[in-house]
Amino acid sequence: MSPILIRPVREQLEHDRIIRLLQLRYKRRFTVGINVGSDLLVPVGEGPSALYPDLVLAPTGRARKVVGVVEVETGESVNNLEAIAEWARFGRLPVEFALYVPASAMDVARRLCSNHEIGVTEIWTYHMIGDQLRFTLVHKSPVEAKIAAARAAASAASSQKKVATKSPVKKQAKKKTVKPVPRIGAARTAKKSR
């Protein structure tokens, strides 16, 4: 349970709306489970040590191994108590951890993650433009950036290998000497001349 036991109604509605928007956004690449409001449906782990992040990401297909968790915070919930009680636990999981905070709380979230050595993979901010909600990536873990660069280099190298194996050098076949076949008309003329 979150240290923020009761959010103001307006913030809770905003929180739940952002979770649903992120569910649609992540659904393109992952199977997404959500824990909205007091509905704790998708745990990470089992038993009393189970965690309930706002979004749980698993690869599409049959495998249900968790590959990432997402936590959404509102203005009231970006604080020291929340960082220690929830973010630190999510940061210790062996999966990617993305944190979404209001744009006005960006510096506070960064400082809390740094002070408590929370293993956050990405920090995103959100803000309203008219009636549209916009997300901005403001922090990406240097370790994660190195891993992503290594993956990109590996995929580029493997695609070059595939191209090289798909177009092997063709061996030139030895030309066989074929005796010319006499034309039918030439054979008839040869018989007549005898």
C-alpha atoms as a PDB file:
ATOM      1  CA  MET A   1       0.000   0.000   0.000  1.00  0.00           C
ATOM      2  CA  SER A   2       1.228   3.432  -0.841  1.00  0.00           C
ATOM      3  CA  PRO A   3       2.300   5.788   1.965  1.00  0.00           C
ATOM      4  CA  ILE A   4      -0.093   8.267   0.337  1.00  0.00           C
ATOM      5  CA  LEU A   5      -3.168   6.540   1.706  1.00  0.00           C
ATOM      6  CA  ILE A   6      -5.755   8.885   0.229  1.00  0.00           C
ATOM      7  CA  ARG A   7      -5.081  11.162  -2.701  1.00  0.00           C
ATOM      8  CA  PRO A   8      -7.384  14.098  -3.268  1.00  0.00           C
ATOM      9  CA  VAL A   9     -10.195  13.033  -5.642  1.00  0.00           C
ATOM     10  CA  ARG A  10      -9.057  15.290  -8.454  1.00  0.00           C
ATOM     11  CA  GLU A  11      -5.497  13.939  -8.311  1.00  0.00           C
ATOM     12  CA  GLN A  12      -6.734  10.341  -8.135  1.00  0.00           C
ATOM     13  CA  LEU A  13      -8.794  10.876 -11.300  1.00  0.00           C
ATOM     14  CA  GLU A  14      -5.764  12.410 -13.040  1.00  0.00           C
ATOM     15  CA  HIS A  15      -3.580   9.520 -11.831  1.00  0.00           C
ATOM     16  CA  ASP A  16      -6.002   6.888 -13.169  1.00  0.00           C
ATOM     17  CA  ARG A  17      -6.385   8.732 -16.496  1.00  0.00           C
ATOM     18  CA  ILE A  18      -2.606   8.782 -16.991  1.00  0.00           C
ATOM     19  CA  ILE A  19      -2.379   5.064 -16.210  1.00  0.00           C
ATOM     20  CA  ARG A  20      -4.989   4.287 -18.875  1.00  0.00           C
ATOM     21  CA  LEU A  21      -3.221   6.501 -21.431  1.00  0.00           C
ATOM     22  CA  LEU A  22       0.088   4.796 -20.716  1.00  0.00           C
ATOM     23  CA  GLN A  23      -1.581   1.411 -21.041  1.00  0.00           C
ATOM     24  CA  LEU A  24      -2.583   2.308 -24.602  1.00  0.00           C
ATOM     25  CA  ARG A  25       0.882   3.677 -25.307  1.00  0.00           C
ATOM     26  CA  TYR A  26       2.766   0.614 -24.061  1.00  0.00           C
ATOM     27  CA  LYS A  27       0.250  -1.831 -25.559  1.00  0.00           C
ATOM     28  CA  ARG A  28       1.961  -1.478 -28.938  1.00  0.00           C
ATOM     29  CA  ARG A  29       5.052  -3.319 -27.676  1.00  0.00           C
ATOM     30  CA  PHE A  30       4.016  -5.188 -24.522  1.00  0.00           C
ATOM     31  CA  THR A  31       1.237  -7.038 -22.807  1.00  0.00           C
ATOM     32  CA  VAL A  32       0.192  -4.479 -20.179  1.00  0.00           C
ATOM     33  CA  GLY A  33      -1.440  -5.128 -16.831  1.00  0.00           C
ATOM     34  CA  ILE A  34      -2.679  -2.174 -14.772  1.00  0.00           C
ATOM     35  CA  ASN A  35      -3.435  -1.546 -11.119  1.00  0.00           C
ATOM     36  CA  VAL A  36      -5.846   1.387 -11.041  1.00  0.00           C
ATOM     37  CA  GLY A  37      -7.144   2.932  -7.834  1.00  0.00           C
ATOM     38  CA  SER A  38      -7.826   0.307  -5.192  1.00  0.00           C
ATOM     39  CA  ASP A  39      -7.984  -2.527  -7.765  1.00  0.00           C
ATOM     40  CA  LEU A  40      -4.793  -4.501  -7.223  1.00  0.00           C
ATOM     41  CA  LEU A  41      -5.051  -7.086  -9.991  1.00  0.00           C
ATOM     42  CA  VAL A  42      -1.554  -7.528 -11.429  1.00  0.00           C
ATOM     43  CA  PRO A  43       1.190  -8.270  -8.877  1.00  0.00           C
ATOM     44  CA  VAL A  44       4.928  -8.521  -9.381  1.00  0.00           C
ATOM     45  CA  GLY A  45       6.068 -11.367  -7.177  1.00  0.00           C
ATOM     46  CA  GLU A  46       4.000 -13.560  -4.899  1.00  0.00           C
ATOM     47  CA  GLY A  47       2.717 -13.657  -1.370  1.00  0.00           C
ATOM     48  CA  PRO A  48       3.156 -10.852   1.140  1.00  0.00           C
ATOM     49  CA  SER A  49       6.175  -9.469  -0.699  1.00  0.00           C
ATOM     50  CA  ALA A  50       4.188  -8.899  -3.910  1.00  0.00           C
ATOM     51  CA  LEU A  51       4.420  -5.402  -5.381  1.00  0.00           C
ATOM     52  CA  TYR A  52       1.646  -3.609  -7.246  1.00  0.00           C
ATOM     53  CA  PRO A  53       3.075  -0.974  -9.596  1.00  0.00           C
ATOM     54  CA  ASP A  54       0.683   1.060 -11.710  1.00  0.00           C
ATOM     55  CA  LEU A  55       1.640  -0.767 -14.920  1.00  0.00           C
ATOM     56  CA  VAL A  56       3.277  -4.172 -15.339  1.00  0.00           C
ATOM     57  CA  LEU A  57       4.886  -4.851 -18.721  1.00  0.00           C
ATOM     58  CA  ALA A  58       5.370  -8.349 -20.163  1.00  0.00           C
ATOM     59  CA  PRO A  59       6.472  -9.386 -23.639  1.00  0.00           C
ATOM     60  CA  THR A  60       3.725 -10.090 -26.150  1.00  0.00           C
ATOM     61  CA  GLY A  61       3.060 -13.725 -26.870  1.00  0.00           C
ATOM     62  CA  ARG A  62       2.968 -16.656 -24.496  1.00  0.00           C
ATOM     63  CA  ALA A  63       5.753 -15.719 -22.106  1.00  0.00           C
ATOM     64  CA  ARG A  64       4.479 -13.867 -19.051  1.00  0.00           C
ATOM     65  CA  LYS A  65       7.833 -12.854 -17.616  1.00  0.00           C
ATOM     66  CA  VAL A  66       7.779  -9.281 -16.354  1.00  0.00           C
ATOM     67  CA  VAL A  67      10.173  -7.028 -18.295  1.00  0.00           C
ATOM     68  CA  GLY A  68       9.263  -3.651 -16.817  1.00  0.00           C
ATOM     69  CA  VAL A  69       7.225  -1.720 -14.277  1.00  0.00           C
ATOM     70  CA  VAL A  70       5.844   1.800 -14.496  1.00  0.00           C
ATOM     71  CA  GLU A  71       4.870   4.031 -11.586  1.00  0.00           C
ATOM     72  CA  VAL A  72       2.826   7.204 -12.014  1.00  0.00           C
ATOM     73  CA  GLU A  73       2.983   9.917  -9.383  1.00  0.00           C
ATOM     74  CA  THR A  74       0.997  13.102  -8.886  1.00  0.00           C
ATOM     75  CA  GLY A  75       2.117  16.360  -7.295  1.00  0.00           C
ATOM     76  CA  GLU A  76       1.205  15.175  -3.785  1.00  0.00           C
ATOM     77  CA  SER A  77       2.963  11.822  -4.083  1.00  0.00           C
ATOM     78  CA  VAL A  78       6.437  12.955  -5.161  1.00  0.00           C
ATOM     79  CA  ASN A  79       7.999  12.919  -1.709  1.00  0.00           C
ATOM     80  CA  ASN A  80      10.650  11.244   0.420  1.00  0.00           C
ATOM     81  CA  LEU A  81       8.281   8.718   1.993  1.00  0.00           C
ATOM     82  CA  GLU A  82       6.981   7.548  -1.392  1.00  0.00           C
ATOM     83  CA  ALA A  83      10.525   7.256  -2.751  1.00  0.00           C
ATOM     84  CA  ILE A  84      11.655   5.052   0.131  1.00  0.00           C
ATOM     85  CA  ALA A  85       8.513   2.926   0.364  1.00  0.00           C
ATOM     86  CA  GLU A  86       7.767   2.305  -3.334  1.00  0.00           C
ATOM     87  CA  TRP A  87      10.361   3.606  -5.775  1.00  0.00           C
ATOM     88  CA  ALA A  88      13.263   1.938  -3.974  1.00  0.00           C
ATOM     89  CA  ARG A  89      11.478  -1.435  -4.065  1.00  0.00           C
ATOM     90  CA  PHE A  90      10.656  -1.080  -7.768  1.00  0.00           C
ATOM     91  CA  GLY A  91      14.230   0.002  -8.454  1.00  0.00           C
ATOM     92  CA  ARG A  92      15.583  -3.224  -6.921  1.00  0.00           C
ATOM     93  CA  LEU A  93      13.571  -5.416  -9.271  1.00  0.00           C
ATOM     94  CA  PRO A  94      15.627  -7.012 -12.079  1.00  0.00           C
ATOM     95  CA  VAL A  95      13.482  -5.253 -14.701  1.00  0.00           C
ATOM     96  CA  GLU A  96      13.242  -1.773 -16.188  1.00  0.00           C
ATOM     97  CA  PHE A  97      11.591   0.825 -13.970  1.00  0.00           C
ATOM     98  CA  ALA A  98       9.991   3.922 -15.502  1.00  0.00           C
ATOM     99  CA  LEU A  99       8.752   6.754 -13.301  1.00  0.00           C
ATOM    100  CA  TYR A 100       6.202   9.343 -14.503  1.00  0.00           C
ATOM    101  CA  VAL A 101       5.936  12.588 -12.535  1.00  0.00           C
ATOM    102  CA  PRO A 102       4.392  16.010 -13.158  1.00  0.00           C
ATOM    103  CA  ALA A 103       6.728  18.425 -14.972  1.00  0.00           C
ATOM    104  CA  SER A 104       6.803  20.649 -11.889  1.00  0.00           C
ATOM    105  CA  ALA A 105       8.176  17.761  -9.769  1.00  0.00           C
ATOM    106  CA  MET A 106      10.979  16.714 -12.126  1.00  0.00           C
ATOM    107  CA  ASP A 107      13.874  18.119 -10.069  1.00  0.00           C
ATOM    108  CA  VAL A 108      12.480  16.706  -6.827  1.00  0.00           C
ATOM    109  CA  ALA A 109      12.080  13.232  -8.377  1.00  0.00           C
ATOM    110  CA  ARG A 110      15.636  13.278  -9.742  1.00  0.00           C
ATOM    111  CA  ARG A 111      17.039  14.379  -6.404  1.00  0.00           C
ATOM    112  CA  LEU A 112      15.087  11.705  -4.486  1.00  0.00           C
ATOM    113  CA  CYS A 113      16.259   8.978  -6.879  1.00  0.00           C
ATOM    114  CA  SER A 114      19.835  10.165  -6.554  1.00  0.00           C
ATOM    115  CA  ASN A 115      19.773  10.545  -2.760  1.00  0.00           C
ATOM    116  CA  HIS A 116      18.266   7.094  -2.164  1.00  0.00           C
ATOM    117  CA  GLU A 117      20.205   5.426  -5.012  1.00  0.00           C
ATOM    118  CA  ILE A 118      17.003   4.241  -6.659  1.00  0.00           C
ATOM    119  CA  GLY A 119      17.617   2.208  -9.809  1.00  0.00           C
ATOM    120  CA  VAL A 120      15.227   4.064 -12.066  1.00  0.00           C
ATOM    121  CA  THR A 121      15.682   3.354 -15.773  1.00  0.00           C
ATOM    122  CA  GLU A 122      13.714   6.341 -17.074  1.00  0.00           C
ATOM    123  CA  ILE A 123      12.054   9.406 -15.608  1.00  0.00           C
ATOM    124  CA  TRP A 124       9.280  10.929 -17.685  1.00  0.00           C
ATOM    125  CA  THR A 125       7.331  14.111 -17.051  1.00  0.00           C
ATOM    126  CA  TYR A 126       3.791  14.848 -18.094  1.00  0.00           C
ATOM    127  CA  HIS A 127       1.920  18.101 -18.580  1.00  0.00           C
ATOM    128  CA  MET A 128      -1.301  19.301 -20.135  1.00  0.00           C
ATOM    129  CA  ILE A 129      -1.462  21.298 -23.355  1.00  0.00           C
ATOM    130  CA  GLY A 130      -5.101  22.224 -23.783  1.00  0.00           C
ATOM    131  CA  ASP A 131      -6.896  18.942 -23.198  1.00  0.00           C
ATOM    132  CA  GLN A 132      -3.959  16.840 -24.439  1.00  0.00           C
ATOM    133  CA  LEU A 133      -1.517  15.155 -22.077  1.00  0.00           C
ATOM    134  CA  ARG A 134       2.137  15.263 -23.237  1.00  0.00           C
ATOM    135  CA  PHE A 135       4.968  13.036 -22.029  1.00  0.00           C
ATOM    136  CA  THR A 136       8.649  14.007 -22.110  1.00  0.00           C
ATOM    137  CA  LEU A 137      11.648  11.806 -21.334  1.00  0.00           C
ATOM    138  CA  VAL A 138      13.896  13.776 -18.958  1.00  0.00           C
ATOM    139  CA  HIS A 139      16.250  11.111 -17.613  1.00  0.00           C
ATOM    140  CA  LYS A 140      17.585   7.826 -18.946  1.00  0.00           C
ATOM    141  CA  SER A 141      19.922   5.729 -16.866  1.00  0.00           C
ATOM    142  CA  PRO A 142      23.471   5.814 -18.298  1.00  0.00           C
ATOM    143  CA  VAL A 143      23.750   2.057 -17.821  1.00  0.00           C
ATOM    144  CA  GLU A 144      20.519   1.549 -19.754  1.00  0.00           C
ATOM    145  CA  ALA A 145      21.733   3.891 -22.492  1.00  0.00           C
ATOM    146  CA  LYS A 146      24.928   1.831 -22.827  1.00  0.00           C
ATOM    147  CA  ILE A 147      22.907  -1.400 -22.955  1.00  0.00           C
ATOM    148  CA  ALA A 148      20.613   0.077 -25.629  1.00  0.00           C
ATOM    149  CA  ALA A 149      23.635   1.191 -27.674  1.00  0.00           C
ATOM    150  CA  ALA A 150      25.188  -2.268 -27.353  1.00  0.00           C
ATOM    151  CA  ARG A 151      21.916  -3.886 -28.446  1.00  0.00           C
ATOM    152  CA  ALA A 152      21.700  -1.572 -31.447  1.00  0.00           C
ATOM    153  CA  ALA A 153      25.295  -2.358 -32.421  1.00  0.00           C
ATOM    154  CA  ALA A 154      24.677  -6.087 -32.005  1.00  0.00           C
ATOM    155  CA  SER A 155      21.521  -5.977 -34.127  1.00  0.00           C
ATOM    156  CA  ALA A 156      23.354  -3.984 -36.814  1.00  0.00           C
ATOM    157  CA  ALA A 157      26.182  -6.533 -36.806  1.00  0.00           C
ATOM    158  CA  SER A 158      23.757  -9.459 -36.982  1.00  0.00           C
ATOM    159  CA  SER A 159      21.840  -7.839 -39.848  1.00  0.00           C
ATOM    160  CA  GLN A 160      25.139  -7.408 -41.731  1.00  0.00           C
ATOM    161  CA  LYS A 161      25.913 -11.088 -41.114  1.00  0.00           C
ATOM    162  CA  LYS A 162      22.470 -12.037 -42.437  1.00  0.00           C
ATOM    163  CA  VAL A 163      23.053  -9.973 -45.562  1.00  0.00           C
ATOM    164  CA  ALA A 164      26.450 -11.622 -46.041  1.00  0.00           C
ATOM    165  CA  THR A 165      25.018 -15.131 -45.595  1.00  0.00           C
ATOM    166  CA  LYS A 166      22.013 -14.456 -47.826  1.00  0.00           C
ATOM    167  CA  SER A 167      24.163 -13.480 -50.806  1.00  0.00           C
ATOM    168  CA  PRO A 168      26.990 -16.043 -50.915  1.00  0.00           C
ATOM    169  CA  VAL A 169      29.571 -15.796 -53.661  1.00  0.00           C
ATOM    170  CA  LYS A 170      28.430 -17.976 -56.507  1.00  0.00           C
ATOM    171  CA  LYS A 171      30.956 -20.431 -57.803  1.00  0.00           C
ATOM    172  CA  GLN A 172      31.439 -20.297 -61.501  1.00  0.00           C
ATOM    173  CA  ALA A 173      30.513 -23.561 -63.115  1.00  0.00           C
ATOM    174  CA  LYS A 174      33.000 -25.141 -65.440  1.00  0.00           C
ATOM    175  CA  LYS A 175      31.896 -24.785 -69.008  1.00  0.00           C
ATOM    176  CA  LYS A 176      31.400 -28.097 -70.692  1.00  0.00           C
ATOM    177  CA  THR A 177      32.280 -28.279 -74.305  1.00  0.00           C
ATOM    178  CA  VAL A 178      29.258 -29.324 -76.174  1.00  0.00           C
ATOM    179  CA  LYS A 179      29.536 -30.562 -79.707  1.00  0.00           C
ATOM    180  CA  PRO A 180      27.290 -28.600 -81.955  1.00  0.00           C
ATOM    181  CA  VAL A 181      24.258 -30.514 -83.103  1.00  0.00           C
ATOM    182  CA  PRO A 182      23.994 -30.490 -86.859  1.00  0.00           C
ATOM    183  CA  ARG A 183      20.955 -28.850 -88.240  1.00  0.00           C
ATOM    184  CA  ILE A 184      18.287 -31.074 -89.692  1.00  0.00           C
ATOM    185  CA  GLY A 185      18.485 -29.469 -93.107  1.00  0.00           C
ATOM    186  CA  ALA A 186      22.281 -29.811 -93.140  1.00  0.00           C
ATOM    187  CA  ALA A 187      22.017 -33.545 -92.398  1.00  0.00           C
ATOM    188  CA  ARG A 188      19.618 -34.037 -95.337  1.00  0.00           C
ATOM    189  CA  THR A 189      21.911 -32.205 -97.705  1.00  0.00           C
ATOM    190  CA  ALA A 190      24.832 -34.316 -96.528  1.00  0.00           C
ATOM    191  CA  LYS A 191      22.874 -37.543 -97.305  1.00  0.00           C
ATOM    192  CA  LYS A 192      21.845 -36.311-100.747  1.00  0.00           C
ATOM    193  CA  SER A 193      25.375 -35.479-101.693  1.00  0.00           C
ATOM    194  CA  ARG A 194      26.558 -39.021-101.058  1.00  0.00           C
END
